[in-house]
Amino acid sequence: MTMRKRKLTDDEIEAEILADIGDPSAWEQAIYVPPSKSPRPAWVTLGRHLELSARFHVLSVLHRFGAEATLTNAQPGNVDITVVQAPGRAITIDVKTLAGTSMWLVQPFIARKHHYVAFVLYSRKDLDNPVATPAVAVFPSVRLKELIRPKMGKVNIHAMARQLGVDDYWQQLVAHAA
């Protein structure tokens, strides 16, 4: 018969850690990671930083219009920004980033009422220019879903805007207080 070790509760684990906190012999040697000898390539972090920049750009424009908008982090359902239009009425925005192209590789997304997909397009020549303003195209997710299918491959955002007939991207996001 084998003896199974009893699983400790969170409180018991915390008590053991607090008991050993002042005893250096209770801890293993710290791991040392030497600095890299080569610089990190720009492509490693460019996408992640541009995604954050794109979200803040959309948020900034919404705030300039006076919208009550909030950046969300790690929300399910592709929600990057929430805009409160009136008590009990809000919209959500999924921000997608395109760098150096206006072609979007179609990926599955959630389509629902009061949910929009904002495409922030950074031109190739302006990627290193911090004062350049990216182009933005915003579509209602339900109308966008009606036009595209995941097997379409790539879709031109400018052509999609003409097809959907969306003229004023921002006005559809900003509430007119009654």
C-alpha atoms as a PDB file:
ATOM      1  CA  MET A   1       0.000   0.000   0.000  1.00  0.00           C
ATOM      2  CA  THR A   2       1.417   3.353  -1.005  1.00  0.00           C
ATOM      3  CA  MET A   3       1.113   6.392   1.157  1.00  0.00           C
ATOM      4  CA  ARG A   4      -0.308   9.431  -0.536  1.00  0.00           C
ATOM      5  CA  LYS A   5       0.843  12.788   0.649  1.00  0.00           C
ATOM      6  CA  ARG A   6      -2.053  14.933   1.853  1.00  0.00           C
ATOM      7  CA  LYS A   7      -2.695  17.979  -0.316  1.00  0.00           C
ATOM      8  CA  LEU A   8      -2.076  21.191   1.604  1.00  0.00           C
ATOM      9  CA  THR A   9      -4.676  23.908   1.747  1.00  0.00           C
ATOM     10  CA  ASP A  10      -3.848  27.455   0.653  1.00  0.00           C
ATOM     11  CA  ASP A  11      -3.735  28.575   4.281  1.00  0.00           C
ATOM     12  CA  GLU A  12      -1.283  25.796   5.178  1.00  0.00           C
ATOM     13  CA  ILE A  13       0.977  26.666   2.225  1.00  0.00           C
ATOM     14  CA  GLU A  14       0.931  30.325   3.212  1.00  0.00           C
ATOM     15  CA  ALA A  15       1.777  29.446   6.840  1.00  0.00           C
ATOM     16  CA  GLU A  16       4.786  27.361   5.693  1.00  0.00           C
ATOM     17  CA  ILE A  17       6.058  30.150   3.476  1.00  0.00           C
ATOM     18  CA  LEU A  18       5.690  32.748   6.222  1.00  0.00           C
ATOM     19  CA  ALA A  19       7.529  30.441   8.669  1.00  0.00           C
ATOM     20  CA  ASP A  20      10.464  30.106   6.224  1.00  0.00           C
ATOM     21  CA  ILE A  21      10.573  33.750   5.144  1.00  0.00           C
ATOM     22  CA  GLY A  22      13.528  34.648   7.364  1.00  0.00           C
ATOM     23  CA  ASP A  23      15.485  31.408   6.813  1.00  0.00           C
ATOM     24  CA  PRO A  24      17.810  31.669   3.751  1.00  0.00           C
ATOM     25  CA  SER A  25      18.552  27.924   3.853  1.00  0.00           C
ATOM     26  CA  ALA A  26      14.859  27.186   3.146  1.00  0.00           C
ATOM     27  CA  TRP A  27      15.114  28.666  -0.340  1.00  0.00           C
ATOM     28  CA  GLU A  28      16.839  27.405  -3.480  1.00  0.00           C
ATOM     29  CA  GLN A  29      19.566  29.314  -5.269  1.00  0.00           C
ATOM     30  CA  ALA A  30      18.209  32.192  -7.387  1.00  0.00           C
ATOM     31  CA  ILE A  31      18.249  31.614 -11.130  1.00  0.00           C
ATOM     32  CA  TYR A  32      20.567  33.896 -13.104  1.00  0.00           C
ATOM     33  CA  VAL A  33      19.765  34.744 -16.721  1.00  0.00           C
ATOM     34  CA  PRO A  34      22.575  36.633 -18.456  1.00  0.00           C
ATOM     35  CA  PRO A  35      21.735  39.558 -20.736  1.00  0.00           C
ATOM     36  CA  SER A  36      21.396  38.814 -24.434  1.00  0.00           C
ATOM     37  CA  LYS A  37      24.490  39.429 -26.549  1.00  0.00           C
ATOM     38  CA  SER A  38      22.444  40.499 -29.582  1.00  0.00           C
ATOM     39  CA  PRO A  39      19.808  43.209 -29.841  1.00  0.00           C
ATOM     40  CA  ARG A  40      16.176  42.194 -29.998  1.00  0.00           C
ATOM     41  CA  PRO A  41      14.835  42.426 -33.557  1.00  0.00           C
ATOM     42  CA  ALA A  42      12.174  45.103 -34.064  1.00  0.00           C
ATOM     43  CA  TRP A  43       9.622  42.592 -35.355  1.00  0.00           C
ATOM     44  CA  VAL A  44       9.564  40.792 -32.000  1.00  0.00           C
ATOM     45  CA  THR A  45       7.709  43.571 -30.194  1.00  0.00           C
ATOM     46  CA  LEU A  46       6.322  45.687 -33.033  1.00  0.00           C
ATOM     47  CA  GLY A  47       3.011  43.839 -33.299  1.00  0.00           C
ATOM     48  CA  ARG A  48       2.282  43.838 -29.585  1.00  0.00           C
ATOM     49  CA  HIS A  49       3.161  47.515 -29.202  1.00  0.00           C
ATOM     50  CA  LEU A  50       1.163  48.530 -32.249  1.00  0.00           C
ATOM     51  CA  GLU A  51      -1.892  46.684 -30.937  1.00  0.00           C
ATOM     52  CA  LEU A  52      -1.743  48.657 -27.711  1.00  0.00           C
ATOM     53  CA  SER A  53      -1.115  51.869 -29.626  1.00  0.00           C
ATOM     54  CA  ALA A  54      -4.119  51.167 -31.865  1.00  0.00           C
ATOM     55  CA  ARG A  55      -6.416  50.627 -28.886  1.00  0.00           C
ATOM     56  CA  PHE A  56      -5.293  53.856 -27.276  1.00  0.00           C
ATOM     57  CA  HIS A  57      -5.667  55.734 -30.566  1.00  0.00           C
ATOM     58  CA  VAL A  58      -9.317  54.661 -30.881  1.00  0.00           C
ATOM     59  CA  LEU A  59      -9.890  55.442 -27.206  1.00  0.00           C
ATOM     60  CA  SER A  60      -8.285  58.877 -27.638  1.00  0.00           C
ATOM     61  CA  VAL A  61     -10.498  59.811 -30.593  1.00  0.00           C
ATOM     62  CA  LEU A  62     -13.607  58.667 -28.737  1.00  0.00           C
ATOM     63  CA  HIS A  63     -12.628  60.818 -25.752  1.00  0.00           C
ATOM     64  CA  ARG A  64     -12.091  63.821 -28.039  1.00  0.00           C
ATOM     65  CA  PHE A  65     -15.691  63.360 -29.171  1.00  0.00           C
ATOM     66  CA  GLY A  66     -16.760  63.389 -25.518  1.00  0.00           C
ATOM     67  CA  ALA A  67     -17.644  59.710 -25.369  1.00  0.00           C
ATOM     68  CA  GLU A  68     -17.545  57.862 -22.063  1.00  0.00           C
ATOM     69  CA  ALA A  69     -15.140  55.162 -23.271  1.00  0.00           C
ATOM     70  CA  THR A  70     -13.044  52.685 -21.295  1.00  0.00           C
ATOM     71  CA  LEU A  71     -10.214  50.399 -22.341  1.00  0.00           C
ATOM     72  CA  THR A  72     -10.818  46.822 -21.261  1.00  0.00           C
ATOM     73  CA  ASN A  73      -8.113  44.253 -20.663  1.00  0.00           C
ATOM     74  CA  ALA A  74      -8.425  40.507 -21.166  1.00  0.00           C
ATOM     75  CA  GLN A  75     -12.170  40.601 -21.754  1.00  0.00           C
ATOM     76  CA  PRO A  76     -13.851  37.668 -23.461  1.00  0.00           C
ATOM     77  CA  GLY A  77     -15.743  38.162 -26.703  1.00  0.00           C
ATOM     78  CA  ASN A  78     -13.183  40.363 -28.462  1.00  0.00           C
ATOM     79  CA  VAL A  79     -14.005  43.469 -26.447  1.00  0.00           C
ATOM     80  CA  ASP A  80     -11.180  46.023 -26.315  1.00  0.00           C
ATOM     81  CA  ILE A  81     -13.205  49.186 -25.626  1.00  0.00           C
ATOM     82  CA  THR A  82     -16.574  49.794 -24.011  1.00  0.00           C
ATOM     83  CA  VAL A  83     -18.499  53.012 -24.704  1.00  0.00           C
ATOM     84  CA  VAL A  84     -21.341  53.975 -22.376  1.00  0.00           C
ATOM     85  CA  GLN A  85     -23.901  55.905 -24.403  1.00  0.00           C
ATOM     86  CA  ALA A  86     -26.632  56.331 -21.795  1.00  0.00           C
ATOM     87  CA  PRO A  87     -27.700  54.574 -18.611  1.00  0.00           C
ATOM     88  CA  GLY A  88     -28.261  50.943 -19.556  1.00  0.00           C
ATOM     89  CA  ARG A  89     -26.995  51.434 -23.124  1.00  0.00           C
ATOM     90  CA  ALA A  90     -23.440  50.680 -24.221  1.00  0.00           C
ATOM     91  CA  ILE A  91     -21.483  49.527 -27.245  1.00  0.00           C
ATOM     92  CA  THR A  92     -18.350  47.417 -27.456  1.00  0.00           C
ATOM     93  CA  ILE A  93     -15.448  47.664 -29.882  1.00  0.00           C
ATOM     94  CA  ASP A  94     -12.942  45.061 -31.061  1.00  0.00           C
ATOM     95  CA  VAL A  95      -9.760  46.823 -32.287  1.00  0.00           C
ATOM     96  CA  LYS A  96      -7.719  45.113 -35.001  1.00  0.00           C
ATOM     97  CA  THR A  97      -4.302  46.395 -36.105  1.00  0.00           C
ATOM     98  CA  LEU A  98      -2.921  46.330 -39.648  1.00  0.00           C
ATOM     99  CA  ALA A  99       0.678  47.414 -40.213  1.00  0.00           C
ATOM    100  CA  GLY A 100       1.877  48.339 -43.681  1.00  0.00           C
ATOM    101  CA  THR A 101      -1.213  47.001 -45.445  1.00  0.00           C
ATOM    102  CA  SER A 102      -4.939  47.527 -45.817  1.00  0.00           C
ATOM    103  CA  MET A 103      -5.511  43.794 -46.344  1.00  0.00           C
ATOM    104  CA  TRP A 104      -7.015  41.975 -43.371  1.00  0.00           C
ATOM    105  CA  LEU A 105      -6.467  38.248 -43.056  1.00  0.00           C
ATOM    106  CA  VAL A 106     -10.024  37.247 -42.131  1.00  0.00           C
ATOM    107  CA  GLN A 107     -10.173  35.648 -38.708  1.00  0.00           C
ATOM    108  CA  PRO A 108     -13.216  34.485 -36.783  1.00  0.00           C
ATOM    109  CA  PHE A 109     -14.848  37.264 -34.774  1.00  0.00           C
ATOM    110  CA  ILE A 110     -17.984  37.699 -32.749  1.00  0.00           C
ATOM    111  CA  ALA A 111     -20.876  39.538 -34.374  1.00  0.00           C
ATOM    112  CA  ARG A 112     -23.625  40.922 -32.199  1.00  0.00           C
ATOM    113  CA  LYS A 113     -25.826  43.967 -31.879  1.00  0.00           C
ATOM    114  CA  HIS A 114     -24.059  47.067 -30.495  1.00  0.00           C
ATOM    115  CA  HIS A 115     -20.614  45.585 -31.227  1.00  0.00           C
ATOM    116  CA  TYR A 116     -18.180  47.133 -33.719  1.00  0.00           C
ATOM    117  CA  VAL A 117     -14.882  46.140 -35.285  1.00  0.00           C
ATOM    118  CA  ALA A 118     -12.364  48.984 -35.635  1.00  0.00           C
ATOM    119  CA  PHE A 119      -9.429  48.524 -38.003  1.00  0.00           C
ATOM    120  CA  VAL A 120      -6.435  50.755 -37.302  1.00  0.00           C
ATOM    121  CA  LEU A 121      -4.174  50.917 -40.356  1.00  0.00           C
ATOM    122  CA  TYR A 122      -0.555  51.998 -39.963  1.00  0.00           C
ATOM    123  CA  SER A 123       1.042  52.765 -43.318  1.00  0.00           C
ATOM    124  CA  ARG A 124       4.428  51.181 -43.977  1.00  0.00           C
ATOM    125  CA  LYS A 125       6.170  54.555 -44.435  1.00  0.00           C
ATOM    126  CA  ASP A 126       4.802  55.855 -41.132  1.00  0.00           C
ATOM    127  CA  LEU A 127       5.623  52.870 -38.896  1.00  0.00           C
ATOM    128  CA  ASP A 128       8.653  54.692 -37.458  1.00  0.00           C
ATOM    129  CA  ASN A 129       6.973  58.117 -37.369  1.00  0.00           C
ATOM    130  CA  PRO A 130       5.430  58.684 -33.919  1.00  0.00           C
ATOM    131  CA  VAL A 131       3.456  61.771 -35.011  1.00  0.00           C
ATOM    132  CA  ALA A 132       1.791  60.063 -37.980  1.00  0.00           C
ATOM    133  CA  THR A 133      -1.917  59.406 -37.483  1.00  0.00           C
ATOM    134  CA  PRO A 134      -3.120  55.960 -38.542  1.00  0.00           C
ATOM    135  CA  ALA A 135      -6.205  55.518 -40.706  1.00  0.00           C
ATOM    136  CA  VAL A 136      -9.226  53.993 -38.982  1.00  0.00           C
ATOM    137  CA  ALA A 137     -12.214  52.119 -40.394  1.00  0.00           C
ATOM    138  CA  VAL A 138     -15.068  51.054 -38.121  1.00  0.00           C
ATOM    139  CA  PHE A 139     -17.807  48.595 -39.072  1.00  0.00           C
ATOM    140  CA  PRO A 140     -20.836  47.200 -37.242  1.00  0.00           C
ATOM    141  CA  SER A 141     -19.870  43.595 -36.531  1.00  0.00           C
ATOM    142  CA  VAL A 142     -23.216  42.181 -37.706  1.00  0.00           C
ATOM    143  CA  ARG A 143     -22.975  43.882 -41.122  1.00  0.00           C
ATOM    144  CA  LEU A 144     -19.324  42.884 -41.460  1.00  0.00           C
ATOM    145  CA  LYS A 145     -20.152  39.251 -40.646  1.00  0.00           C
ATOM    146  CA  GLU A 146     -22.864  39.231 -43.335  1.00  0.00           C
ATOM    147  CA  LEU A 147     -20.313  40.169 -46.009  1.00  0.00           C
ATOM    148  CA  ILE A 148     -17.305  38.042 -45.161  1.00  0.00           C
ATOM    149  CA  ARG A 149     -16.594  34.413 -44.507  1.00  0.00           C
ATOM    150  CA  PRO A 150     -13.513  32.968 -42.802  1.00  0.00           C
ATOM    151  CA  LYS A 151     -12.502  31.128 -45.989  1.00  0.00           C
ATOM    152  CA  MET A 152     -12.256  34.407 -47.934  1.00  0.00           C
ATOM    153  CA  GLY A 153      -8.574  34.781 -47.078  1.00  0.00           C
ATOM    154  CA  LYS A 154      -7.695  38.473 -47.183  1.00  0.00           C
ATOM    155  CA  VAL A 155     -10.119  41.385 -47.467  1.00  0.00           C
ATOM    156  CA  ASN A 156      -9.281  44.954 -48.476  1.00  0.00           C
ATOM    157  CA  ILE A 157     -10.561  47.239 -45.714  1.00  0.00           C
ATOM    158  CA  HIS A 158     -11.053  50.216 -48.076  1.00  0.00           C
ATOM    159  CA  ALA A 159     -13.119  48.086 -50.467  1.00  0.00           C
ATOM    160  CA  MET A 160     -15.117  46.777 -47.507  1.00  0.00           C
ATOM    161  CA  ALA A 161     -15.870  50.373 -46.442  1.00  0.00           C
ATOM    162  CA  ARG A 162     -17.196  51.191 -49.917  1.00  0.00           C
ATOM    163  CA  GLN A 163     -19.258  48.005 -49.970  1.00  0.00           C
ATOM    164  CA  LEU A 164     -20.785  48.685 -46.549  1.00  0.00           C
ATOM    165  CA  GLY A 165     -21.382  52.349 -47.370  1.00  0.00           C
ATOM    166  CA  VAL A 166     -20.030  53.598 -44.055  1.00  0.00           C
ATOM    167  CA  ASP A 167     -19.148  57.281 -44.456  1.00  0.00           C
ATOM    168  CA  ASP A 168     -18.547  58.618 -40.962  1.00  0.00           C
ATOM    169  CA  TYR A 169     -16.827  55.916 -38.934  1.00  0.00           C
ATOM    170  CA  TRP A 170     -16.750  57.819 -35.686  1.00  0.00           C
ATOM    171  CA  GLN A 171     -20.300  59.148 -35.655  1.00  0.00           C
ATOM    172  CA  GLN A 172     -21.749  55.639 -35.457  1.00  0.00           C
ATOM    173  CA  LEU A 173     -19.832  55.140 -32.193  1.00  0.00           C
ATOM    174  CA  VAL A 174     -20.617  58.437 -30.486  1.00  0.00           C
ATOM    175  CA  ALA A 175     -23.974  58.774 -28.742  1.00  0.00           C
ATOM    176  CA  HIS A 176     -26.234  61.751 -29.194  1.00  0.00           C
ATOM    177  CA  ALA A 177     -27.493  62.476 -25.720  1.00  0.00           C
ATOM    178  CA  ALA A 178     -31.247  62.886 -25.686  1.00  0.00           C
END
